[in-house]
């Protein structure tokens, strides 16, 4: 992922705040020799306070075909992308150019977590992982606690494997035209406001919040 200086997060707090509100991504695992990479969509829960860069927890079905590749190469990437919109060319036209000379582009936010994957097969540890995930996704309760060898979920534990993704590095990008002239940025904000399509409100918020980061203050 190319990250221009004007698309980089201001600091770690920017991507951490964004990631705290996003818990669905794609896990990329290098394929075995001769095979393409595995890309697995999945929910995950992220604990920023565990380890240097945090830990993500997930679980997948035991028959999932990615397991042999993951065990052979546990260096994986968890990719999270959201707040994406299409920006029409006229919105980005330079102030001294006609509208049809503007360049269309995409806006998006992305966080990529490079991780070392640890597979969890112990029933007690799997139950603990599931309970941590449930507390994240369903804090209001309403589901029984997972306990090894006890109903209702104990008999289902052999059918899944847990994943503890130890984050070793983070790359983040917020592509929202922070380097464009103020007049162009104003035009983009107006366009997003008027269009009001899926993702436009979130993109508009990013665009406004990232005003003034480029050029950097001397």
Protein backbone atom coordinates (compact mmCIF):
# COMPACT_ATOMS: atom_id res chain seq x y z
CA UNK A 1 0.00 0.00 0.00
CA UNK A 2 1.46 3.33 -1.09
CA UNK A 3 1.28 5.96 1.65
CA UNK A 4 2.10 9.51 0.63
CA UNK A 5 3.21 11.79 3.49
CA UNK A 6 -0.06 13.73 3.33
CA UNK A 7 -2.07 10.50 3.67
CA UNK A 8 -0.20 9.22 6.72
CA UNK A 9 -1.89 9.40 10.13
CA UNK A 10 -1.03 12.38 12.29
CA UNK A 11 0.10 9.95 14.98
CA UNK A 12 -0.77 6.51 16.33
CA UNK A 13 -3.84 7.84 18.10
CA UNK A 14 -5.56 8.57 14.76
CA UNK A 15 -5.42 5.02 13.44
CA UNK A 16 -6.08 3.55 16.89
CA UNK A 17 -9.30 5.57 17.27
CA UNK A 18 -10.42 4.53 13.82
CA UNK A 19 -9.60 0.85 14.35
CA UNK A 20 -11.46 0.83 17.67
CA UNK A 21 -14.67 1.35 15.67
CA UNK A 22 -13.87 -1.28 13.02
CA UNK A 23 -13.80 -4.99 13.71
CA UNK A 24 -14.23 -6.66 10.33
CA UNK A 25 -11.35 -7.16 7.92
CA UNK A 26 -9.55 -9.57 5.65
CA UNK A 27 -6.77 -11.88 6.79
CA UNK A 28 -4.12 -12.43 4.11
CA UNK A 29 -2.00 -15.57 4.44
CA UNK A 30 0.81 -16.55 2.09
CA UNK A 31 -0.14 -19.65 0.11
CA UNK A 32 1.87 -22.83 0.07
CA UNK A 33 4.43 -23.08 -2.78
CA UNK A 34 2.58 -22.87 -6.09
CA UNK A 35 -0.66 -21.64 -4.49
CA UNK A 36 -2.06 -18.11 -4.44
CA UNK A 37 -2.48 -16.27 -1.12
CA UNK A 38 -5.48 -17.00 1.07
CA UNK A 39 -7.71 -14.01 1.83
CA UNK A 40 -10.24 -14.65 4.59
CA UNK A 41 -12.98 -12.12 5.50
CA UNK A 42 -13.61 -12.25 9.25
CA UNK A 43 -14.69 -10.45 12.38
CA UNK A 44 -12.00 -9.84 14.97
CA UNK A 45 -11.62 -8.08 18.30
CA UNK A 46 -8.58 -5.88 18.87
CA UNK A 47 -6.92 -5.24 22.24
CA UNK A 48 -4.56 -2.26 21.89
CA UNK A 49 -3.09 -2.75 25.36
CA UNK A 50 -1.72 -6.25 24.90
CA UNK A 51 1.84 -6.28 23.58
CA UNK A 52 3.72 -3.48 21.83
CA UNK A 53 1.18 -2.95 19.04
CA UNK A 54 -1.85 -4.84 20.32
CA UNK A 55 -3.41 -8.23 19.68
CA UNK A 56 -6.34 -9.25 17.47
CA UNK A 57 -8.46 -12.28 18.33
CA UNK A 58 -10.52 -14.33 15.89
CA UNK A 59 -11.70 -17.85 15.20
CA UNK A 60 -12.38 -19.81 12.04
CA UNK A 61 -13.88 -23.16 11.14
CA UNK A 62 -11.51 -26.10 11.40
CA UNK A 63 -12.16 -27.16 7.75
CA UNK A 64 -10.97 -23.75 6.49
CA UNK A 65 -8.35 -24.41 3.78
CA UNK A 66 -5.97 -21.70 5.00
CA UNK A 67 -4.72 -23.59 8.07
CA UNK A 68 -1.83 -25.51 6.43
CA UNK A 69 -0.55 -22.30 4.82
CA UNK A 70 -0.87 -20.32 8.05
CA UNK A 71 0.97 -22.94 10.06
CA UNK A 72 3.74 -23.04 7.43
CA UNK A 73 4.07 -19.23 7.37
CA UNK A 74 2.49 -17.54 10.40
CA UNK A 75 3.57 -14.04 9.29
CA UNK A 76 0.18 -12.69 8.15
CA UNK A 77 -1.56 -9.42 7.36
CA UNK A 78 -4.93 -8.26 8.68
CA UNK A 79 -6.32 -5.55 6.40
CA UNK A 80 -9.19 -3.25 7.39
CA UNK A 81 -10.67 -0.77 4.88
CA UNK A 82 -13.71 1.49 5.23
CA UNK A 83 -15.04 5.04 4.73
CA UNK A 84 -14.40 4.68 1.00
CA UNK A 85 -16.06 6.81 -1.67
CA UNK A 86 -15.58 7.71 -5.31
CA UNK A 87 -14.59 11.32 -5.99
CA UNK A 88 -15.63 12.64 -9.44
CA UNK A 89 -13.00 14.42 -11.50
CA UNK A 90 -14.64 17.89 -11.50
CA UNK A 91 -14.50 18.01 -7.70
CA UNK A 92 -10.71 17.79 -7.84
CA UNK A 93 -10.05 20.21 -10.69
CA UNK A 94 -7.28 22.70 -9.83
CA UNK A 95 -8.53 26.22 -9.12
CA UNK A 96 -7.18 27.54 -12.44
CA UNK A 97 -8.39 24.61 -14.59
CA UNK A 98 -11.75 23.77 -16.18
CA UNK A 99 -13.86 21.18 -14.30
CA UNK A 100 -13.34 18.47 -16.91
CA UNK A 101 -9.59 18.56 -16.25
CA UNK A 102 -10.00 17.25 -12.72
CA UNK A 103 -8.73 13.80 -11.87
CA UNK A 104 -11.20 11.23 -10.47
CA UNK A 105 -9.98 9.30 -7.46
CA UNK A 106 -10.94 7.17 -4.48
CA UNK A 107 -10.99 8.24 -0.85
CA UNK A 108 -10.58 5.60 1.86
CA UNK A 109 -9.21 4.80 5.28
CA UNK A 110 -7.08 1.70 5.72
CA UNK A 111 -5.17 0.03 8.52
CA UNK A 112 -2.93 -2.96 7.90
CA UNK A 113 -1.78 -5.01 10.87
CA UNK A 114 1.20 -7.24 10.25
CA UNK A 115 0.92 -10.10 12.70
CA UNK A 116 2.43 -13.30 13.93
CA UNK A 117 -0.41 -15.81 14.07
CA UNK A 118 -0.75 -18.21 16.98
CA UNK A 119 -3.26 -21.04 16.57
CA UNK A 120 -5.31 -21.97 19.63
CA UNK A 121 -6.64 -25.54 19.85
CA UNK A 122 -6.88 -26.08 23.60
CA UNK A 123 -10.62 -26.21 24.46
CA UNK A 124 -10.29 -24.09 27.61
CA UNK A 125 -8.27 -21.43 25.77
CA UNK A 126 -10.70 -21.45 22.86
CA UNK A 127 -13.62 -20.93 25.21
CA UNK A 128 -11.83 -18.01 26.85
CA UNK A 129 -11.14 -16.48 23.42
CA UNK A 130 -14.78 -16.82 22.41
CA UNK A 131 -15.93 -15.18 25.63
CA UNK A 132 -13.58 -12.25 25.03
CA UNK A 133 -14.93 -11.85 21.51
CA UNK A 134 -18.52 -12.11 22.72
CA UNK A 135 -17.90 -9.39 25.30
CA UNK A 136 -16.74 -7.15 22.47
CA UNK A 137 -19.44 -7.89 19.90
CA UNK A 138 -22.36 -8.48 22.27
CA UNK A 139 -21.71 -6.47 25.43
CA UNK A 140 -25.43 -6.47 26.23
CA UNK A 141 -25.21 -10.23 26.85
CA UNK A 142 -27.98 -12.64 25.98
CA UNK A 143 -25.79 -15.62 25.09
CA UNK A 144 -24.49 -18.35 27.35
CA UNK A 145 -20.84 -18.34 28.34
CA UNK A 146 -18.61 -20.72 26.39
CA UNK A 147 -17.19 -23.42 28.64
CA UNK A 148 -15.19 -26.45 27.54
CA UNK A 149 -17.17 -29.71 27.77
CA UNK A 150 -20.35 -27.95 28.87
CA UNK A 151 -23.55 -27.09 27.02
CA UNK A 152 -24.44 -25.30 24.89
CA UNK A 153 -21.15 -24.52 23.16
CA UNK A 154 -18.72 -27.09 24.53
CA UNK A 155 -19.60 -29.67 21.89
CA UNK A 156 -19.01 -27.09 19.14
CA UNK A 157 -15.48 -26.15 20.17
CA UNK A 158 -13.77 -28.98 18.24
CA UNK A 159 -15.21 -27.52 15.04
CA UNK A 160 -13.26 -24.26 15.30
CA UNK A 161 -9.70 -23.08 15.84
CA UNK A 162 -8.80 -19.89 17.63
CA UNK A 163 -6.41 -17.25 16.33
CA UNK A 164 -4.31 -14.91 18.41
CA UNK A 165 -2.76 -12.37 16.05
CA UNK A 166 0.20 -10.69 17.71
CA UNK A 167 0.62 -7.37 15.91
CA UNK A 168 4.26 -6.69 15.02
CA UNK A 169 3.84 -3.52 12.93
CA UNK A 170 1.11 -1.21 11.66
CA UNK A 171 0.66 0.74 8.42
CA UNK A 172 -2.22 3.19 8.13
CA UNK A 173 -3.52 5.51 5.43
CA UNK A 174 -6.20 8.19 5.34
CA UNK A 175 -6.55 9.27 1.72
CA UNK A 176 -8.66 12.42 1.81
CA UNK A 177 -6.92 15.04 -0.38
CA UNK A 178 -5.12 16.73 2.50
CA UNK A 179 -2.53 18.05 0.02
CA UNK A 180 -5.05 19.78 -2.26
CA UNK A 181 -5.57 23.57 -2.21
CA UNK A 182 -8.18 24.79 0.25
CA UNK A 183 -10.51 25.80 -2.58
CA UNK A 184 -10.46 22.25 -3.93
CA UNK A 185 -10.99 20.75 -0.49
CA UNK A 186 -13.98 23.05 0.02
CA UNK A 187 -15.42 21.88 -3.29
CA UNK A 188 -14.98 18.24 -2.28
CA UNK A 189 -16.70 18.82 1.07
CA UNK A 190 -19.60 20.54 -0.70
CA UNK A 191 -19.87 17.67 -3.18
CA UNK A 192 -19.92 15.04 -0.47
CA UNK A 193 -22.52 16.99 1.50
CA UNK A 194 -24.81 17.40 -1.49
CA UNK A 195 -24.42 13.86 -2.79
CA UNK A 196 -25.07 12.24 0.59
CA UNK A 197 -24.39 8.72 -0.63
CA UNK A 198 -23.10 5.69 1.28
CA UNK A 199 -19.86 6.59 2.99
CA UNK A 200 -20.02 10.28 2.07
CA UNK A 201 -20.63 11.53 5.63
CA UNK A 202 -17.68 9.57 7.01
CA UNK A 203 -15.41 10.70 4.17
CA UNK A 204 -16.49 14.32 4.72
CA UNK A 205 -15.61 14.04 8.41
CA UNK A 206 -12.17 12.68 7.61
CA UNK A 207 -11.61 15.40 5.03
CA UNK A 208 -12.52 18.15 7.48
CA UNK A 209 -10.57 16.65 10.38
CA UNK A 210 -7.39 16.35 8.33
CA UNK A 211 -7.34 19.97 7.19
CA UNK A 212 -4.05 21.72 7.75
CA UNK A 213 -1.76 18.68 8.01
CA UNK A 214 -0.09 19.50 4.69
CA UNK A 215 2.27 21.11 4.18
CA UNK A 216 3.66 20.34 7.63
CA UNK A 217 4.36 23.28 9.89
CA UNK A 218 7.98 24.38 9.71
